[in-house]
Amino acid sequence: MKISARNVIKGIIKDIKEGPISTLAVIEIAPGVEIVSVITTEGADALQLEIGQSAYAIIKASNVMLGMDD
């Protein structure tokens, strides 16, 4: 796999919630640390996602937003 994104994080699929249009996949990247991805259900089917599989969270964004407590 070759991609241009610089933020590629390997993990294990811990949960999959499939809907008619979109699918939510939870990837554990370290003990207790998770990244959630929402992709099309068609894309999830094409990837043949399964719990326990290794996967990559690939983050490609032009903006990174920050939030602060009041």
N, C-alpha and C. Protein backbone atom coordinates (compact mmCIF):
# COMPACT_ATOMS: atom_id res chain seq x y z
N MET A 1 0.85 -1.17 0.00
CA MET A 1 0.00 0.00 0.00
C MET A 1 0.89 1.23 0.00
N LYS A 2 0.73 2.08 -0.98
CA LYS A 2 1.43 3.36 -1.04
C LYS A 2 0.38 4.46 -1.09
N ILE A 3 0.50 5.42 -0.20
CA ILE A 3 -0.43 6.55 -0.17
C ILE A 3 0.34 7.81 0.15
N SER A 4 -0.27 8.96 -0.11
CA SER A 4 0.40 10.23 0.12
C SER A 4 0.17 10.78 1.52
N ALA A 5 -0.81 10.27 2.25
CA ALA A 5 -1.10 10.77 3.59
C ALA A 5 0.07 10.45 4.53
N ARG A 6 0.39 11.38 5.39
CA ARG A 6 1.50 11.18 6.32
C ARG A 6 1.05 10.58 7.65
N ASN A 7 -0.21 10.70 7.97
CA ASN A 7 -0.71 10.21 9.25
C ASN A 7 -1.41 8.87 9.05
N VAL A 8 -0.64 7.81 9.18
CA VAL A 8 -1.14 6.44 9.02
C VAL A 8 -0.89 5.71 10.34
N ILE A 9 -1.98 5.26 10.97
CA ILE A 9 -1.87 4.65 12.29
C ILE A 9 -2.47 3.25 12.22
N LYS A 10 -1.66 2.26 12.56
CA LYS A 10 -2.11 0.86 12.52
C LYS A 10 -2.83 0.50 13.81
N GLY A 11 -3.87 -0.31 13.68
CA GLY A 11 -4.61 -0.75 14.84
C GLY A 11 -5.41 -2.01 14.54
N ILE A 12 -6.30 -2.35 15.46
CA ILE A 12 -7.15 -3.53 15.34
C ILE A 12 -8.61 -3.08 15.36
N ILE A 13 -9.42 -3.62 14.46
CA ILE A 13 -10.84 -3.28 14.43
C ILE A 13 -11.50 -3.91 15.66
N LYS A 14 -12.11 -3.06 16.50
CA LYS A 14 -12.74 -3.52 17.74
C LYS A 14 -14.27 -3.57 17.63
N ASP A 15 -14.86 -2.76 16.77
CA ASP A 15 -16.31 -2.74 16.65
C ASP A 15 -16.70 -2.23 15.28
N ILE A 16 -17.81 -2.73 14.77
CA ILE A 16 -18.36 -2.31 13.48
C ILE A 16 -19.86 -2.14 13.66
N LYS A 17 -20.36 -0.98 13.31
CA LYS A 17 -21.80 -0.74 13.34
C LYS A 17 -22.23 -0.36 11.92
N GLU A 18 -22.86 -1.30 11.24
CA GLU A 18 -23.24 -1.11 9.84
C GLU A 18 -24.65 -0.56 9.74
N GLY A 19 -24.80 0.50 8.96
CA GLY A 19 -26.10 1.06 8.65
C GLY A 19 -26.38 0.94 7.17
N PRO A 20 -27.55 1.40 6.72
CA PRO A 20 -27.89 1.27 5.31
C PRO A 20 -27.01 2.16 4.39
N ILE A 21 -26.54 3.26 4.92
CA ILE A 21 -25.74 4.19 4.11
C ILE A 21 -24.29 4.27 4.59
N SER A 22 -24.10 4.34 5.90
CA SER A 22 -22.75 4.49 6.43
C SER A 22 -22.46 3.41 7.47
N THR A 23 -21.18 3.16 7.65
CA THR A 23 -20.71 2.17 8.62
C THR A 23 -19.68 2.84 9.51
N LEU A 24 -19.79 2.58 10.82
CA LEU A 24 -18.87 3.11 11.80
C LEU A 24 -17.92 1.99 12.20
N ALA A 25 -16.63 2.24 12.10
CA ALA A 25 -15.62 1.26 12.49
C ALA A 25 -14.75 1.86 13.58
N VAL A 26 -14.59 1.11 14.68
CA VAL A 26 -13.75 1.54 15.79
C VAL A 26 -12.45 0.77 15.69
N ILE A 27 -11.33 1.52 15.65
CA ILE A 27 -10.00 0.92 15.55
C ILE A 27 -9.24 1.26 16.83
N GLU A 28 -8.79 0.22 17.53
CA GLU A 28 -7.98 0.44 18.73
C GLU A 28 -6.52 0.53 18.30
N ILE A 29 -5.88 1.68 18.58
CA ILE A 29 -4.51 1.90 18.14
C ILE A 29 -3.50 1.66 19.26
N ALA A 30 -3.98 1.62 20.49
CA ALA A 30 -3.18 1.30 21.67
C ALA A 30 -4.19 0.89 22.74
N PRO A 31 -3.75 0.22 23.80
CA PRO A 31 -4.72 -0.19 24.82
C PRO A 31 -5.54 1.01 25.33
N GLY A 32 -6.84 0.96 25.12
CA GLY A 32 -7.73 2.02 25.56
C GLY A 32 -7.77 3.26 24.69
N VAL A 33 -7.05 3.25 23.57
CA VAL A 33 -7.02 4.41 22.66
C VAL A 33 -7.66 3.99 21.34
N GLU A 34 -8.74 4.68 20.98
CA GLU A 34 -9.50 4.30 19.79
C GLU A 34 -9.67 5.47 18.83
N ILE A 35 -9.75 5.14 17.57
CA ILE A 35 -10.09 6.08 16.50
C ILE A 35 -11.35 5.53 15.85
N VAL A 36 -12.31 6.41 15.60
CA VAL A 36 -13.56 5.99 14.97
C VAL A 36 -13.58 6.54 13.54
N SER A 37 -13.91 5.68 12.61
CA SER A 37 -14.01 6.06 11.21
C SER A 37 -15.43 5.81 10.73
N VAL A 38 -15.97 6.76 9.99
CA VAL A 38 -17.29 6.58 9.37
C VAL A 38 -17.06 6.56 7.86
N ILE A 39 -17.40 5.43 7.25
CA ILE A 39 -17.23 5.28 5.80
C ILE A 39 -18.56 4.79 5.22
N THR A 40 -18.65 4.79 3.91
CA THR A 40 -19.88 4.29 3.30
C THR A 40 -19.97 2.78 3.55
N THR A 41 -21.18 2.29 3.65
CA THR A 41 -21.39 0.85 3.82
C THR A 41 -20.88 0.10 2.60
N GLU A 42 -21.03 0.68 1.44
CA GLU A 42 -20.49 0.06 0.22
C GLU A 42 -18.97 -0.10 0.34
N GLY A 43 -18.29 0.93 0.85
CA GLY A 43 -16.85 0.85 1.05
C GLY A 43 -16.47 -0.18 2.09
N ALA A 44 -17.24 -0.25 3.17
CA ALA A 44 -16.98 -1.24 4.22
C ALA A 44 -17.14 -2.65 3.68
N ASP A 45 -18.17 -2.86 2.85
CA ASP A 45 -18.37 -4.17 2.24
C ASP A 45 -17.20 -4.54 1.32
N ALA A 46 -16.72 -3.56 0.56
CA ALA A 46 -15.60 -3.81 -0.35
C ALA A 46 -14.33 -4.17 0.42
N LEU A 47 -14.15 -3.57 1.60
CA LEU A 47 -12.97 -3.87 2.43
C LEU A 47 -13.14 -5.17 3.22
N GLN A 48 -14.35 -5.70 3.27
CA GLN A 48 -14.64 -6.93 4.01
C GLN A 48 -14.16 -6.82 5.46
N LEU A 49 -14.59 -5.73 6.13
CA LEU A 49 -14.18 -5.48 7.50
C LEU A 49 -14.66 -6.58 8.44
N GLU A 50 -13.79 -6.95 9.39
CA GLU A 50 -14.14 -7.94 10.41
C GLU A 50 -13.50 -7.53 11.72
N ILE A 51 -14.22 -7.73 12.82
CA ILE A 51 -13.65 -7.45 14.14
C ILE A 51 -12.43 -8.34 14.34
N GLY A 52 -11.37 -7.75 14.90
CA GLY A 52 -10.12 -8.47 15.14
C GLY A 52 -9.10 -8.32 14.04
N GLN A 53 -9.52 -7.82 12.90
CA GLN A 53 -8.63 -7.59 11.76
C GLN A 53 -7.72 -6.40 12.03
N SER A 54 -6.51 -6.44 11.50
CA SER A 54 -5.68 -5.23 11.57
C SER A 54 -6.13 -4.30 10.45
N ALA A 55 -6.02 -3.00 10.73
CA ALA A 55 -6.44 -1.98 9.77
C ALA A 55 -5.61 -0.73 10.01
N TYR A 56 -5.67 0.17 9.08
CA TYR A 56 -4.95 1.44 9.19
C TYR A 56 -5.94 2.59 9.23
N ALA A 57 -5.77 3.47 10.19
CA ALA A 57 -6.50 4.74 10.21
C ALA A 57 -5.63 5.71 9.42
N ILE A 58 -6.15 6.22 8.33
CA ILE A 58 -5.39 7.13 7.47
C ILE A 58 -6.05 8.50 7.57
N ILE A 59 -5.32 9.44 8.10
CA ILE A 59 -5.87 10.77 8.37
C ILE A 59 -5.27 11.76 7.39
N LYS A 60 -6.14 12.31 6.56
CA LYS A 60 -5.71 13.30 5.56
C LYS A 60 -6.68 14.46 5.65
N ALA A 61 -6.23 15.56 6.20
CA ALA A 61 -7.11 16.70 6.38
C ALA A 61 -6.37 17.99 6.09
N SER A 62 -7.08 18.95 5.57
CA SER A 62 -6.46 20.24 5.30
C SER A 62 -6.55 21.15 6.51
N ASN A 63 -7.40 20.81 7.48
CA ASN A 63 -7.55 21.61 8.70
C ASN A 63 -7.52 20.70 9.92
N VAL A 64 -6.94 21.21 10.99
CA VAL A 64 -7.02 20.55 12.27
C VAL A 64 -7.62 21.56 13.23
N MET A 65 -8.78 21.23 13.79
CA MET A 65 -9.45 22.15 14.71
C MET A 65 -9.06 21.82 16.14
N LEU A 66 -9.00 22.83 16.98
CA LEU A 66 -8.70 22.66 18.40
C LEU A 66 -9.87 23.16 19.22
N GLY A 67 -10.09 22.56 20.37
CA GLY A 67 -11.11 23.02 21.30
C GLY A 67 -10.49 23.18 22.67
N MET A 68 -10.97 24.14 23.44
CA MET A 68 -10.45 24.41 24.78
C MET A 68 -11.61 24.47 25.75
N ASP A 69 -11.38 24.00 26.97
CA ASP A 69 -12.40 24.15 28.01
C ASP A 69 -12.55 25.61 28.37
N ASP A 70 -13.76 25.99 28.78
CA ASP A 70 -14.02 27.38 29.20
C ASP A 70 -13.34 27.68 30.51
